[in-house]
């Protein structure tokens, strides 16, 4: 009998342990529990290293939410520590172990968050108060590459996904209006670089970078760097990659290059 390895990820310990115990009673299920996003990533890494990869993650939709007024959870951190929200964990797992299927467990129906979960790579969204048999059916279904959503959520999720696609298309069209140099500057902005750092990265003067940034904001129809970065991410624009120190970036016509404080 092929065994299914399941990892329950929930920061409510009693719920996580109770669900893990119920799943472990099934003859073909091996189960473990993790109380946070970083702990889940460590479990996945350890399982892969030991040749015992997990097949399915059951992730709390409110993972890392904490009590009212607490600091919001963040995306999967590079140091492996800190609070991580459920949707970011889904995206992180998809990135590091794409073969693992994820199912989000939610206390309430939320079409917007369910759509975000699917976009992040989740294969299902299930109510926490569903029956064990229903949950097991979803677990086995996602391993057959099925996507599971409650019927009541389907219309709302489709509406959210359609709207997200429209926003992405609109954003892509705006980004395409930029010149190649402006797109490179935008990628530097997505990477979180300030004007001086962009100037050093692209071998431009700070004044030229300022002009490019103003042009980017104008063409994208936004008024701040944060808004430009949000639009760029919707359009699928990633951050600029590090350039080799010994290889300067190519200089396009019209750019002013400074070296040693003097225009080249």
C-alpha atoms as a PDB file:
ATOM      1  CA  UNK A   1       0.000   0.000   0.000  1.00  0.00           C
ATOM      2  CA  UNK A   2       1.437   3.397  -1.031  1.00  0.00           C
ATOM      3  CA  UNK A   3       1.649   5.625   2.015  1.00  0.00           C
ATOM      4  CA  UNK A   4       0.766   9.321   2.025  1.00  0.00           C
ATOM      5  CA  UNK A   5       2.984  11.643   4.053  1.00  0.00           C
ATOM      6  CA  UNK A   6       1.027  14.630   5.387  1.00  0.00           C
ATOM      7  CA  UNK A   7       2.321  17.660   7.283  1.00  0.00           C
ATOM      8  CA  UNK A   8      -0.215  19.701   9.305  1.00  0.00           C
ATOM      9  CA  UNK A   9       0.851  23.336   9.723  1.00  0.00           C
ATOM     10  CA  UNK A  10      -1.157  25.285  12.299  1.00  0.00           C
ATOM     11  CA  UNK A  11      -0.069  27.545  15.154  1.00  0.00           C
ATOM     12  CA  UNK A  12      -3.018  26.380  17.272  1.00  0.00           C
ATOM     13  CA  UNK A  13      -1.307  23.422  18.877  1.00  0.00           C
ATOM     14  CA  UNK A  14      -4.389  21.573  20.097  1.00  0.00           C
ATOM     15  CA  UNK A  15      -6.007  21.696  16.662  1.00  0.00           C
ATOM     16  CA  UNK A  16      -2.791  20.642  14.901  1.00  0.00           C
ATOM     17  CA  UNK A  17      -2.156  17.704  17.228  1.00  0.00           C
ATOM     18  CA  UNK A  18      -5.798  16.574  17.178  1.00  0.00           C
ATOM     19  CA  UNK A  19      -5.949  16.635  13.388  1.00  0.00           C
ATOM     20  CA  UNK A  20      -2.584  14.868  13.116  1.00  0.00           C
ATOM     21  CA  UNK A  21      -3.806  12.134  15.488  1.00  0.00           C
ATOM     22  CA  UNK A  22      -7.025  11.651  13.509  1.00  0.00           C
ATOM     23  CA  UNK A  23      -5.133  11.393  10.215  1.00  0.00           C
ATOM     24  CA  UNK A  24      -2.561   9.013  11.704  1.00  0.00           C
ATOM     25  CA  UNK A  25      -5.360   6.531  12.436  1.00  0.00           C
ATOM     26  CA  UNK A  26      -5.702   5.944   8.694  1.00  0.00           C
ATOM     27  CA  UNK A  27      -3.750   2.848   7.575  1.00  0.00           C
ATOM     28  CA  UNK A  28      -2.112   4.583   4.593  1.00  0.00           C
ATOM     29  CA  UNK A  29      -1.260   7.968   6.157  1.00  0.00           C
ATOM     30  CA  UNK A  30       1.914   9.081   7.925  1.00  0.00           C
ATOM     31  CA  UNK A  31       1.532  12.490   9.531  1.00  0.00           C
ATOM     32  CA  UNK A  32       3.575  15.124  11.324  1.00  0.00           C
ATOM     33  CA  UNK A  33       2.696  18.572  12.665  1.00  0.00           C
ATOM     34  CA  UNK A  34       4.465  21.948  12.621  1.00  0.00           C
ATOM     35  CA  UNK A  35       3.464  25.060  14.543  1.00  0.00           C
ATOM     36  CA  UNK A  36       4.834  27.715  12.193  1.00  0.00           C
ATOM     37  CA  UNK A  37       5.882  28.390   8.627  1.00  0.00           C
ATOM     38  CA  UNK A  38       9.640  28.204   9.308  1.00  0.00           C
ATOM     39  CA  UNK A  39       9.139  24.949  11.261  1.00  0.00           C
ATOM     40  CA  UNK A  40       7.197  23.529   8.301  1.00  0.00           C
ATOM     41  CA  UNK A  41       9.996  24.440   5.885  1.00  0.00           C
ATOM     42  CA  UNK A  42      12.520  22.753   8.163  1.00  0.00           C
ATOM     43  CA  UNK A  43      10.348  19.615   8.265  1.00  0.00           C
ATOM     44  CA  UNK A  44      10.165  19.590   4.474  1.00  0.00           C
ATOM     45  CA  UNK A  45      13.906  20.025   4.154  1.00  0.00           C
ATOM     46  CA  UNK A  46      14.642  17.305   6.696  1.00  0.00           C
ATOM     47  CA  UNK A  47      12.190  14.904   5.058  1.00  0.00           C
ATOM     48  CA  UNK A  48      13.751  15.460   1.647  1.00  0.00           C
ATOM     49  CA  UNK A  49      17.260  14.947   3.044  1.00  0.00           C
ATOM     50  CA  UNK A  50      16.171  11.659   4.644  1.00  0.00           C
ATOM     51  CA  UNK A  51      14.448  10.434   1.492  1.00  0.00           C
ATOM     52  CA  UNK A  52      11.032  10.679   3.131  1.00  0.00           C
ATOM     53  CA  UNK A  53       9.447  13.608   1.309  1.00  0.00           C
ATOM     54  CA  UNK A  54       6.033  14.874   2.333  1.00  0.00           C
ATOM     55  CA  UNK A  55       3.256  14.560  -0.212  1.00  0.00           C
ATOM     56  CA  UNK A  56       0.673  17.020   1.121  1.00  0.00           C
ATOM     57  CA  UNK A  57       0.731  20.083   3.374  1.00  0.00           C
ATOM     58  CA  UNK A  58      -2.418  21.113   5.256  1.00  0.00           C
ATOM     59  CA  UNK A  59      -1.893  24.814   5.974  1.00  0.00           C
ATOM     60  CA  UNK A  60      -3.940  27.058   8.254  1.00  0.00           C
ATOM     61  CA  UNK A  61      -5.304  30.015   6.270  1.00  0.00           C
ATOM     62  CA  UNK A  62      -4.723  32.256   9.302  1.00  0.00           C
ATOM     63  CA  UNK A  63      -1.232  30.958  10.059  1.00  0.00           C
ATOM     64  CA  UNK A  64       0.813  33.603  11.853  1.00  0.00           C
ATOM     65  CA  UNK A  65      -2.141  35.980  12.262  1.00  0.00           C
ATOM     66  CA  UNK A  66      -1.713  36.158  16.026  1.00  0.00           C
ATOM     67  CA  UNK A  67      -4.044  38.041  18.387  1.00  0.00           C
ATOM     68  CA  UNK A  68      -5.844  41.235  17.299  1.00  0.00           C
ATOM     69  CA  UNK A  69      -3.412  44.146  17.036  1.00  0.00           C
ATOM     70  CA  UNK A  70      -0.369  41.921  16.610  1.00  0.00           C
ATOM     71  CA  UNK A  71       2.205  42.673  13.944  1.00  0.00           C
ATOM     72  CA  UNK A  72       1.213  41.133  10.615  1.00  0.00           C
ATOM     73  CA  UNK A  73       2.915  37.971   9.477  1.00  0.00           C
ATOM     74  CA  UNK A  74       5.353  38.325   6.640  1.00  0.00           C
ATOM     75  CA  UNK A  75       6.528  36.364   3.666  1.00  0.00           C
ATOM     76  CA  UNK A  76       8.830  33.380   4.096  1.00  0.00           C
ATOM     77  CA  UNK A  77      11.973  34.862   5.675  1.00  0.00           C
ATOM     78  CA  UNK A  78      15.466  34.120   4.389  1.00  0.00           C
ATOM     79  CA  UNK A  79      16.699  33.326   7.888  1.00  0.00           C
ATOM     80  CA  UNK A  80      13.977  30.720   8.430  1.00  0.00           C
ATOM     81  CA  UNK A  81      12.663  32.447  11.534  1.00  0.00           C
ATOM     82  CA  UNK A  82       9.725  34.694  12.408  1.00  0.00           C
ATOM     83  CA  UNK A  83       6.025  34.602  11.653  1.00  0.00           C
ATOM     84  CA  UNK A  84       4.951  33.514   8.186  1.00  0.00           C
ATOM     85  CA  UNK A  85       1.414  33.839   6.857  1.00  0.00           C
ATOM     86  CA  UNK A  86      -0.327  30.842   5.295  1.00  0.00           C
ATOM     87  CA  UNK A  87      -0.485  32.133   1.716  1.00  0.00           C
ATOM     88  CA  UNK A  88       3.203  33.055   1.710  1.00  0.00           C
ATOM     89  CA  UNK A  89       4.038  29.593   3.015  1.00  0.00           C
ATOM     90  CA  UNK A  90       2.092  28.041   0.132  1.00  0.00           C
ATOM     91  CA  UNK A  91       4.129  30.126  -2.326  1.00  0.00           C
ATOM     92  CA  UNK A  92       7.373  29.270  -0.553  1.00  0.00           C
ATOM     93  CA  UNK A  93       6.660  25.542  -0.632  1.00  0.00           C
ATOM     94  CA  UNK A  94       5.791  25.725  -4.317  1.00  0.00           C
ATOM     95  CA  UNK A  95       9.140  27.390  -4.926  1.00  0.00           C
ATOM     96  CA  UNK A  96      11.355  25.008  -2.921  1.00  0.00           C
ATOM     97  CA  UNK A  97       9.432  21.714  -3.349  1.00  0.00           C
ATOM     98  CA  UNK A  98       6.987  22.061  -6.269  1.00  0.00           C
ATOM     99  CA  UNK A  99       5.953  18.384  -6.097  1.00  0.00           C
ATOM    100  CA  UNK A 100       4.333  18.897  -2.685  1.00  0.00           C
ATOM    101  CA  UNK A 101       0.588  19.559  -2.831  1.00  0.00           C
ATOM    102  CA  UNK A 102      -0.849  22.134  -0.440  1.00  0.00           C
ATOM    103  CA  UNK A 103      -4.396  22.388   0.905  1.00  0.00           C
ATOM    104  CA  UNK A 104      -5.502  25.444   2.881  1.00  0.00           C
ATOM    105  CA  UNK A 105      -7.695  24.895   5.947  1.00  0.00           C
ATOM    106  CA  UNK A 106      -9.993  27.844   6.672  1.00  0.00           C
ATOM    107  CA  UNK A 107     -12.436  28.762   9.411  1.00  0.00           C
ATOM    108  CA  UNK A 108     -14.596  30.793   7.012  1.00  0.00           C
ATOM    109  CA  UNK A 109     -15.238  31.110   3.306  1.00  0.00           C
ATOM    110  CA  UNK A 110     -13.207  33.936   1.781  1.00  0.00           C
ATOM    111  CA  UNK A 111     -13.205  34.088  -2.044  1.00  0.00           C
ATOM    112  CA  UNK A 112     -10.406  36.661  -2.161  1.00  0.00           C
ATOM    113  CA  UNK A 113      -8.017  34.696   0.057  1.00  0.00           C
ATOM    114  CA  UNK A 114      -8.990  31.430  -1.632  1.00  0.00           C
ATOM    115  CA  UNK A 115      -8.107  32.971  -5.004  1.00  0.00           C
ATOM    116  CA  UNK A 116      -4.779  34.196  -3.590  1.00  0.00           C
ATOM    117  CA  UNK A 117      -4.095  30.691  -2.270  1.00  0.00           C
ATOM    118  CA  UNK A 118      -4.727  29.136  -5.683  1.00  0.00           C
ATOM    119  CA  UNK A 119      -2.515  31.742  -7.353  1.00  0.00           C
ATOM    120  CA  UNK A 120       0.214  30.956  -4.823  1.00  0.00           C
ATOM    121  CA  UNK A 121       0.042  27.282  -5.767  1.00  0.00           C
ATOM    122  CA  UNK A 122      -2.522  25.687  -3.448  1.00  0.00           C
ATOM    123  CA  UNK A 123      -4.508  22.736  -4.772  1.00  0.00           C
ATOM    124  CA  UNK A 124      -7.448  23.075  -2.426  1.00  0.00           C
ATOM    125  CA  UNK A 125      -9.364  25.149   0.124  1.00  0.00           C
ATOM    126  CA  UNK A 126     -11.282  23.241   2.797  1.00  0.00           C
ATOM    127  CA  UNK A 127     -13.350  24.314   5.793  1.00  0.00           C
ATOM    128  CA  UNK A 128     -11.810  23.411   9.149  1.00  0.00           C
ATOM    129  CA  UNK A 129     -15.135  22.034  10.346  1.00  0.00           C
ATOM    130  CA  UNK A 130     -15.467  19.563   7.460  1.00  0.00           C
ATOM    131  CA  UNK A 131     -15.580  15.855   8.201  1.00  0.00           C
ATOM    132  CA  UNK A 132     -12.427  13.778   8.350  1.00  0.00           C
ATOM    133  CA  UNK A 133     -13.638  11.722   5.397  1.00  0.00           C
ATOM    134  CA  UNK A 134     -14.118  14.879   3.339  1.00  0.00           C
ATOM    135  CA  UNK A 135     -10.603  16.041   4.192  1.00  0.00           C
ATOM    136  CA  UNK A 136      -9.128  12.656   3.293  1.00  0.00           C
ATOM    137  CA  UNK A 137     -10.979  12.742  -0.027  1.00  0.00           C
ATOM    138  CA  UNK A 138      -9.405  16.133  -0.755  1.00  0.00           C
ATOM    139  CA  UNK A 139      -5.934  14.909   0.246  1.00  0.00           C
ATOM    140  CA  UNK A 140      -6.198  11.937  -2.077  1.00  0.00           C
ATOM    141  CA  UNK A 141      -7.752  14.082  -4.793  1.00  0.00           C
ATOM    142  CA  UNK A 142      -4.976  16.681  -4.910  1.00  0.00           C
ATOM    143  CA  UNK A 143      -2.460  13.848  -5.292  1.00  0.00           C
ATOM    144  CA  UNK A 144      -4.334  13.034  -8.523  1.00  0.00           C
ATOM    145  CA  UNK A 145      -3.786  16.663  -9.607  1.00  0.00           C
ATOM    146  CA  UNK A 146      -7.353  17.659  -8.758  1.00  0.00           C
ATOM    147  CA  UNK A 147      -8.250  21.119  -7.462  1.00  0.00           C
ATOM    148  CA  UNK A 148     -10.804  21.219  -4.652  1.00  0.00           C
ATOM    149  CA  UNK A 149     -12.992  24.195  -3.695  1.00  0.00           C
ATOM    150  CA  UNK A 150     -16.303  24.318  -1.792  1.00  0.00           C
ATOM    151  CA  UNK A 151     -19.129  24.827  -4.327  1.00  0.00           C
ATOM    152  CA  UNK A 152     -20.257  27.963  -2.487  1.00  0.00           C
ATOM    153  CA  UNK A 153     -16.849  29.560  -3.145  1.00  0.00           C
ATOM    154  CA  UNK A 154     -16.534  28.694  -6.816  1.00  0.00           C
ATOM    155  CA  UNK A 155     -18.306  31.719  -8.296  1.00  0.00           C
ATOM    156  CA  UNK A 156     -16.529  34.177  -6.007  1.00  0.00           C
ATOM    157  CA  UNK A 157     -13.109  32.643  -6.662  1.00  0.00           C
ATOM    158  CA  UNK A 158     -13.634  32.686 -10.431  1.00  0.00           C
ATOM    159  CA  UNK A 159     -14.626  36.347 -10.187  1.00  0.00           C
ATOM    160  CA  UNK A 160     -11.479  37.138  -8.182  1.00  0.00           C
ATOM    161  CA  UNK A 161      -9.225  35.241 -10.583  1.00  0.00           C
ATOM    162  CA  UNK A 162     -10.790  36.992 -13.586  1.00  0.00           C
ATOM    163  CA  UNK A 163     -10.298  40.397 -11.963  1.00  0.00           C
ATOM    164  CA  UNK A 164      -6.706  39.528 -11.067  1.00  0.00           C
ATOM    165  CA  UNK A 165      -6.035  38.509 -14.657  1.00  0.00           C
ATOM    166  CA  UNK A 166      -7.488  41.801 -15.915  1.00  0.00           C
ATOM    167  CA  UNK A 167      -5.308  43.775 -13.496  1.00  0.00           C
ATOM    168  CA  UNK A 168      -2.284  41.777 -14.629  1.00  0.00           C
ATOM    169  CA  UNK A 169      -3.092  42.402 -18.305  1.00  0.00           C
ATOM    170  CA  UNK A 170      -3.517  46.132 -17.687  1.00  0.00           C
ATOM    171  CA  UNK A 171      -0.265  46.218 -15.725  1.00  0.00           C
ATOM    172  CA  UNK A 172       1.604  44.308 -18.427  1.00  0.00           C
ATOM    173  CA  UNK A 173       0.408  46.788 -21.052  1.00  0.00           C
ATOM    174  CA  UNK A 174       1.674  49.730 -18.980  1.00  0.00           C
ATOM    175  CA  UNK A 175       5.054  48.085 -18.397  1.00  0.00           C
ATOM    176  CA  UNK A 176       5.380  47.417 -22.119  1.00  0.00           C
ATOM    177  CA  UNK A 177       5.121  51.164 -22.725  1.00  0.00           C
ATOM    178  CA  UNK A 178       8.459  51.680 -20.946  1.00  0.00           C
ATOM    179  CA  UNK A 179      11.751  51.915 -22.797  1.00  0.00           C
ATOM    180  CA  UNK A 180      14.323  49.138 -22.187  1.00  0.00           C
ATOM    181  CA  UNK A 181      16.288  51.426 -19.856  1.00  0.00           C
ATOM    182  CA  UNK A 182      13.143  52.402 -17.942  1.00  0.00           C
ATOM    183  CA  UNK A 183      12.248  48.732 -17.506  1.00  0.00           C
ATOM    184  CA  UNK A 184      15.722  48.099 -16.113  1.00  0.00           C
ATOM    185  CA  UNK A 185      15.260  50.982 -13.677  1.00  0.00           C
ATOM    186  CA  UNK A 186      11.867  49.538 -12.692  1.00  0.00           C
ATOM    187  CA  UNK A 187      13.472  46.157 -11.983  1.00  0.00           C
ATOM    188  CA  UNK A 188      15.954  47.922  -9.719  1.00  0.00           C
ATOM    189  CA  UNK A 189      13.046  49.593  -7.924  1.00  0.00           C
ATOM    190  CA  UNK A 190      11.413  46.169  -7.461  1.00  0.00           C
ATOM    191  CA  UNK A 191      14.709  45.012  -5.933  1.00  0.00           C
ATOM    192  CA  UNK A 192      14.369  47.810  -3.364  1.00  0.00           C
ATOM    193  CA  UNK A 193      17.265  49.928  -4.607  1.00  0.00           C
ATOM    194  CA  UNK A 194      17.299  53.662  -4.007  1.00  0.00           C
ATOM    195  CA  UNK A 195      18.334  56.296  -6.542  1.00  0.00           C
ATOM    196  CA  UNK A 196      22.020  56.226  -5.629  1.00  0.00           C
ATOM    197  CA  UNK A 197      22.167  52.426  -5.708  1.00  0.00           C
ATOM    198  CA  UNK A 198      20.406  52.344  -9.081  1.00  0.00           C
ATOM    199  CA  UNK A 199      22.903  54.876 -10.412  1.00  0.00           C
ATOM    200  CA  UNK A 200      25.810  52.694  -9.277  1.00  0.00           C
ATOM    201  CA  UNK A 201      24.171  49.524 -10.625  1.00  0.00           C
ATOM    202  CA  UNK A 202      23.483  50.952 -14.083  1.00  0.00           C
ATOM    203  CA  UNK A 203      26.529  53.273 -14.300  1.00  0.00           C
ATOM    204  CA  UNK A 204      24.317  56.347 -14.626  1.00  0.00           C
ATOM    205  CA  UNK A 205      24.331  59.724 -12.940  1.00  0.00           C
ATOM    206  CA  UNK A 206      21.840  60.196 -10.063  1.00  0.00           C
ATOM    207  CA  UNK A 207      20.199  62.960 -12.115  1.00  0.00           C
ATOM    208  CA  UNK A 208      19.647  60.584 -15.051  1.00  0.00           C
ATOM    209  CA  UNK A 209      18.226  57.941 -12.707  1.00  0.00           C
ATOM    210  CA  UNK A 210      15.862  60.507 -11.205  1.00  0.00           C
ATOM    211  CA  UNK A 211      14.624  61.378 -14.689  1.00  0.00           C
ATOM    212  CA  UNK A 212      14.095  57.698 -15.541  1.00  0.00           C
ATOM    213  CA  UNK A 213      12.218  57.104 -12.281  1.00  0.00           C
ATOM    214  CA  UNK A 214       9.954  60.091 -12.926  1.00  0.00           C
ATOM    215  CA  UNK A 215       9.268  58.794 -16.428  1.00  0.00           C
ATOM    216  CA  UNK A 216       8.468  55.324 -15.045  1.00  0.00           C
ATOM    217  CA  UNK A 217       5.969  56.733 -12.527  1.00  0.00           C
ATOM    218  CA  UNK A 218       4.373  58.898 -15.193  1.00  0.00           C
ATOM    219  CA  UNK A 219       3.984  56.125 -17.749  1.00  0.00           C
ATOM    220  CA  UNK A 220       2.630  53.705 -15.144  1.00  0.00           C
ATOM    221  CA  UNK A 221       0.178  56.307 -13.894  1.00  0.00           C
ATOM    222  CA  UNK A 222       1.260  56.094 -10.253  1.00  0.00           C
ATOM    223  CA  UNK A 223       2.602  58.609  -7.756  1.00  0.00           C
ATOM    224  CA  UNK A 224       5.017  56.612  -5.611  1.00  0.00           C
ATOM    225  CA  UNK A 225       7.729  54.008  -5.848  1.00  0.00           C
ATOM    226  CA  UNK A 226       5.667  51.600  -3.739  1.00  0.00           C
ATOM    227  CA  UNK A 227       2.749  51.843  -6.171  1.00  0.00           C
ATOM    228  CA  UNK A 228       5.108  51.325  -9.115  1.00  0.00           C
ATOM    229  CA  UNK A 229       6.588  48.218  -7.472  1.00  0.00           C
ATOM    230  CA  UNK A 230       3.112  46.808  -6.735  1.00  0.00           C
ATOM    231  CA  UNK A 231       2.080  47.309 -10.364  1.00  0.00           C
ATOM    232  CA  UNK A 232       5.322  45.789 -11.602  1.00  0.00           C
ATOM    233  CA  UNK A 233       4.793  42.684  -9.487  1.00  0.00           C
ATOM    234  CA  UNK A 234       1.265  42.293 -10.858  1.00  0.00           C
ATOM    235  CA  UNK A 235       2.790  42.406 -14.334  1.00  0.00           C
ATOM    236  CA  UNK A 236       5.288  39.699 -13.414  1.00  0.00           C
ATOM    237  CA  UNK A 237       8.331  41.979 -13.315  1.00  0.00           C
ATOM    238  CA  UNK A 238      11.023  40.513 -11.096  1.00  0.00           C
ATOM    239  CA  UNK A 239      13.878  42.290  -9.299  1.00  0.00           C
ATOM    240  CA  UNK A 240      17.088  43.148 -11.106  1.00  0.00           C
ATOM    241  CA  UNK A 241      19.755  40.490 -10.765  1.00  0.00           C
ATOM    242  CA  UNK A 242      23.154  41.317  -9.381  1.00  0.00           C
ATOM    243  CA  UNK A 243      25.620  42.369 -12.049  1.00  0.00           C
ATOM    244  CA  UNK A 244      29.195  41.022 -12.079  1.00  0.00           C
ATOM    245  CA  UNK A 245      31.467  43.595 -10.450  1.00  0.00           C
ATOM    246  CA  UNK A 246      34.041  43.431 -13.250  1.00  0.00           C
ATOM    247  CA  UNK A 247      31.519  43.793 -16.074  1.00  0.00           C
ATOM    248  CA  UNK A 248      29.869  47.215 -16.429  1.00  0.00           C
ATOM    249  CA  UNK A 249      26.312  47.454 -17.655  1.00  0.00           C
ATOM    250  CA  UNK A 250      25.879  48.375 -21.317  1.00  0.00           C
ATOM    251  CA  UNK A 251      25.538  52.097 -21.983  1.00  0.00           C
ATOM    252  CA  UNK A 252      22.663  53.219 -24.160  1.00  0.00           C
ATOM    253  CA  UNK A 253      22.593  56.370 -26.236  1.00  0.00           C
ATOM    254  CA  UNK A 254      21.656  59.407 -24.177  1.00  0.00           C
ATOM    255  CA  UNK A 255      22.921  58.061 -20.862  1.00  0.00           C
ATOM    256  CA  UNK A 256      25.444  60.071 -18.906  1.00  0.00           C
ATOM    257  CA  UNK A 257      28.079  57.851 -17.337  1.00  0.00           C
ATOM    258  CA  UNK A 258      30.168  59.104 -14.432  1.00  0.00           C
ATOM    259  CA  UNK A 259      33.449  57.615 -13.301  1.00  0.00           C
ATOM    260  CA  UNK A 260      35.663  59.136 -10.668  1.00  0.00           C
ATOM    261  CA  UNK A 261      33.230  62.025 -10.254  1.00  0.00           C
ATOM    262  CA  UNK A 262      33.648  63.194 -13.852  1.00  0.00           C
ATOM    263  CA  UNK A 263      31.379  62.514 -16.838  1.00  0.00           C
ATOM    264  CA  UNK A 264      32.892  59.871 -19.122  1.00  0.00           C
END
